[in-house]
Protein backbone atom coordinates (compact mmCIF):
# COMPACT_ATOMS: atom_id res chain seq x y z
CA MET A 1 116.43 92.67 65.09
CA ALA A 2 117.64 96.24 64.87
CA GLU A 3 115.96 96.57 61.42
CA LEU A 4 112.39 95.56 62.95
CA ALA A 5 113.11 98.31 65.52
CA THR A 6 114.04 100.64 63.21
CA ILE A 7 110.85 99.79 60.90
CA ALA A 8 108.51 99.80 64.35
CA ARG A 9 109.73 103.05 65.76
CA PRO A 10 107.80 105.54 63.55
CA TYR A 11 104.56 103.33 63.94
CA ALA A 12 104.98 103.24 67.67
CA GLU A 13 105.71 106.89 67.85
CA ALA A 14 102.63 108.03 65.87
CA LEU A 15 100.45 105.79 67.89
CA TYR A 16 101.64 107.07 71.02
CA LYS A 17 101.26 110.63 69.89
CA ALA A 18 97.64 110.00 68.60
CA SER A 19 96.36 107.99 71.55
CA SER A 20 98.62 109.85 74.26
CA GLY A 21 99.41 106.40 75.53
CA ASP A 22 95.92 105.37 76.88
CA ALA A 23 95.21 102.05 78.52
CA ALA A 24 92.76 101.10 75.91
CA THR A 25 95.29 101.53 73.05
CA SER A 26 97.74 99.44 75.08
CA GLN A 27 95.38 96.72 75.45
CA TRP A 28 94.21 96.29 71.97
CA LEU A 29 97.71 96.79 70.58
CA ASP A 30 98.96 94.10 73.06
CA ALA A 31 96.19 91.68 71.81
CA LEU A 32 97.11 92.44 68.03
CA ALA A 33 100.79 92.12 68.74
CA ALA A 34 100.26 88.60 70.33
CA VAL A 35 98.39 87.28 67.17
CA ALA A 36 101.13 89.10 64.94
CA GLY A 37 103.90 87.19 66.56
CA ASN A 38 102.28 83.78 65.64
CA GLU A 39 104.31 82.21 62.83
CA GLN A 40 101.21 80.77 61.21
CA MET A 41 99.71 84.03 60.89
CA LEU A 42 102.70 85.74 59.45
CA GLN A 43 102.75 82.82 56.88
CA PHE A 44 99.05 83.43 55.99
CA ALA A 45 99.69 87.25 55.60
CA GLY A 46 102.72 86.42 53.45
CA ASN A 47 100.64 84.26 51.22
CA PRO A 48 100.16 86.15 47.81
CA LYS A 49 96.59 84.60 47.63
CA ALA A 50 95.42 86.02 50.91
CA THR A 51 94.07 89.60 50.48
CA GLU A 52 94.72 92.55 52.82
CA GLN A 53 91.15 92.39 54.08
CA GLN A 54 91.34 88.66 54.66
CA VAL A 55 94.47 89.39 56.76
CA PHE A 56 92.71 92.30 58.54
CA ASP A 57 89.55 90.24 59.39
CA LEU A 58 91.62 87.40 60.69
CA MET A 59 93.57 89.54 62.82
CA VAL A 60 90.51 91.18 64.49
CA GLY A 61 88.86 87.98 64.81
CA VAL A 62 91.49 86.01 66.31
CA SER A 63 92.79 88.88 68.75
CA LYS A 64 89.23 89.81 69.74
CA ALA A 65 90.36 93.33 70.37
CA GLN A 66 87.78 95.99 70.75
CA LEU A 67 89.26 98.19 67.99
CA SER A 68 88.15 101.88 67.73
CA GLU A 69 88.21 103.50 64.43
CA SER A 70 91.62 104.77 64.75
CA GLY A 71 92.79 101.29 65.78
CA ARG A 72 91.32 99.74 62.78
CA ASN A 73 92.96 102.46 60.75
CA PHE A 74 96.32 101.66 62.30
CA LEU A 75 96.01 98.02 61.68
CA ARG A 76 95.06 98.59 58.21
CA ALA A 77 98.11 100.79 57.75
CA ILE A 78 100.35 98.02 59.25
CA ILE A 79 98.90 95.40 56.89
CA ASP A 80 98.79 97.74 53.71
CA ASN A 81 102.40 98.46 54.25
CA GLY A 82 103.65 94.81 54.81
CA ARG A 83 104.67 95.45 58.31
CA LEU A 84 102.71 93.03 60.45
CA ALA A 85 105.83 91.18 61.39
CA ALA A 86 107.11 94.32 63.02
CA LEU A 87 103.61 94.83 65.08
CA PRO A 88 105.16 92.88 68.32
CA GLU A 89 108.04 95.40 68.40
CA VAL A 90 105.60 98.26 67.92
CA ALA A 91 103.91 97.01 70.84
CA ARG A 92 106.95 96.91 72.75
CA GLN A 93 108.23 100.37 71.88
CA PHE A 94 104.76 101.78 72.64
CA ARG A 95 104.89 100.12 76.13
CA ASP A 96 108.41 101.66 76.72
CA MET A 97 107.14 105.18 75.78
CA LYS A 98 104.18 104.73 78.15
CA ASN A 99 106.48 103.57 80.90
CA ALA A 100 109.01 106.12 80.29
CA GLN A 101 106.12 108.83 80.73
CA SER A 102 104.90 107.32 83.79
CA GLY A 103 108.18 106.47 85.53
CA SER A 104 107.59 102.72 85.62
CA SER A 105 108.95 99.67 84.13
CA ASP A 106 107.72 96.26 83.11
CA ALA A 107 108.76 93.43 85.31
CA VAL A 108 108.50 89.67 84.81
CA VAL A 109 108.29 87.52 88.01
CA HIS A 110 109.23 83.86 87.46
CA SER A 111 107.80 81.79 90.21
CA ALA A 112 107.88 77.98 91.08
CA PHE A 113 104.23 78.09 92.30
CA PRO A 114 101.10 80.40 91.75
CA ILE A 115 101.28 83.61 93.65
CA SER A 116 97.98 84.82 95.30
CA ASP A 117 96.98 88.51 94.84
CA PHE A 118 97.80 89.29 98.42
CA ASP A 119 101.24 87.95 98.21
CA LEU A 120 101.61 89.50 94.71
CA GLY A 121 100.86 92.94 96.43
CA ARG A 122 103.60 92.32 98.94
CA VAL A 123 106.11 91.19 96.41
CA SER A 124 105.18 94.17 94.31
CA ALA A 125 105.77 96.63 97.20
CA ALA A 126 109.24 95.09 97.99
CA LEU A 127 110.46 95.01 94.55
CA GLU A 128 109.41 98.63 93.87
CA LYS A 129 111.29 99.71 96.98
CA ARG A 130 114.48 97.51 95.66
CA PHE A 131 114.27 98.96 92.01
CA GLY A 132 113.40 102.33 93.02
CA ARG A 133 110.24 102.63 90.69
CA LYS A 134 106.79 101.72 89.90
CA LEU A 135 106.63 98.07 88.34
CA ASN A 136 103.98 96.71 86.16
CA LEU A 137 104.21 92.97 87.24
CA THR A 138 103.61 90.05 84.99
CA VAL A 139 103.75 86.48 86.73
CA VAL A 140 105.04 83.35 84.79
CA GLN A 141 104.98 80.06 86.44
CA ASP A 142 108.21 78.10 86.01
CA GLU A 143 108.43 74.90 87.94
CA SER A 144 112.02 74.42 87.24
CA LEU A 145 112.94 77.02 89.73
CA ILE A 146 112.00 74.44 92.57
CA GLY A 147 111.06 77.36 94.77
CA GLY A 148 111.41 81.33 95.27
CA ILE A 149 111.42 83.79 92.51
CA ARG A 150 113.34 85.38 89.50
CA VAL A 151 112.57 88.94 88.60
CA VAL A 152 113.41 90.45 85.29
CA VAL A 153 113.12 94.26 84.97
CA GLY A 154 114.70 95.41 81.56
CA ASP A 155 118.31 94.30 81.80
CA GLU A 156 118.36 93.80 85.60
CA VAL A 157 117.96 90.36 87.18
CA LEU A 158 117.08 89.45 90.78
CA ASP A 159 117.31 85.76 91.20
CA THR A 160 116.45 84.32 94.60
CA SER A 161 115.20 80.87 93.34
CA VAL A 162 116.42 77.73 94.89
CA LYS A 163 117.65 76.65 91.38
CA ALA A 164 119.92 79.64 91.53
CA ARG A 165 121.19 79.00 94.93
CA LEU A 166 121.86 75.44 94.28
CA GLU A 167 123.86 76.50 90.94
CA GLN A 168 125.84 78.87 93.37
CA MET A 169 126.41 76.20 95.68
CA LYS A 170 127.74 73.90 93.00
CA VAL A 171 130.25 76.39 91.75
CA ALA A 172 131.66 77.00 95.20
CA LEU A 173 132.14 73.29 95.76
CA ALA A 174 133.73 72.67 92.57
CA ALA A 175 136.26 75.82 92.94
């Protein structure tokens, strides 16, 4: 994993400097990274019979990303250098640089049930106060939580789910 991070760093830094971390770049980069993270896509790209142009066309077609000329050049450089597997790591490092500049963090909210926009706004305000910084929330539904939410911000976890409380009770009763 460290190897991918090392490979991805110069690409992420160059893209960040060239784009100044704008939102449009972040959108197409995330779309391309999602496609590049697919095992079948990586197998196709690694096939010696597949040309670089075929890989490029497939990436652009499947991702449906609106690429600028610099975005197309970036994707071509990634493909030409055989670094498609590093693209998800490039996107992660790009987001980290963007977050560092804006003083925010990415947060994943795991919820047993769908969260309405109104409730998400209230949760977001409470979490930003709790973690002391602006958060970019992503909601993932996870029925195994039974109820409540589990929030992951970097290496910090706030787990208020029913599942976690039941586990705590289980440990306390077994002791």
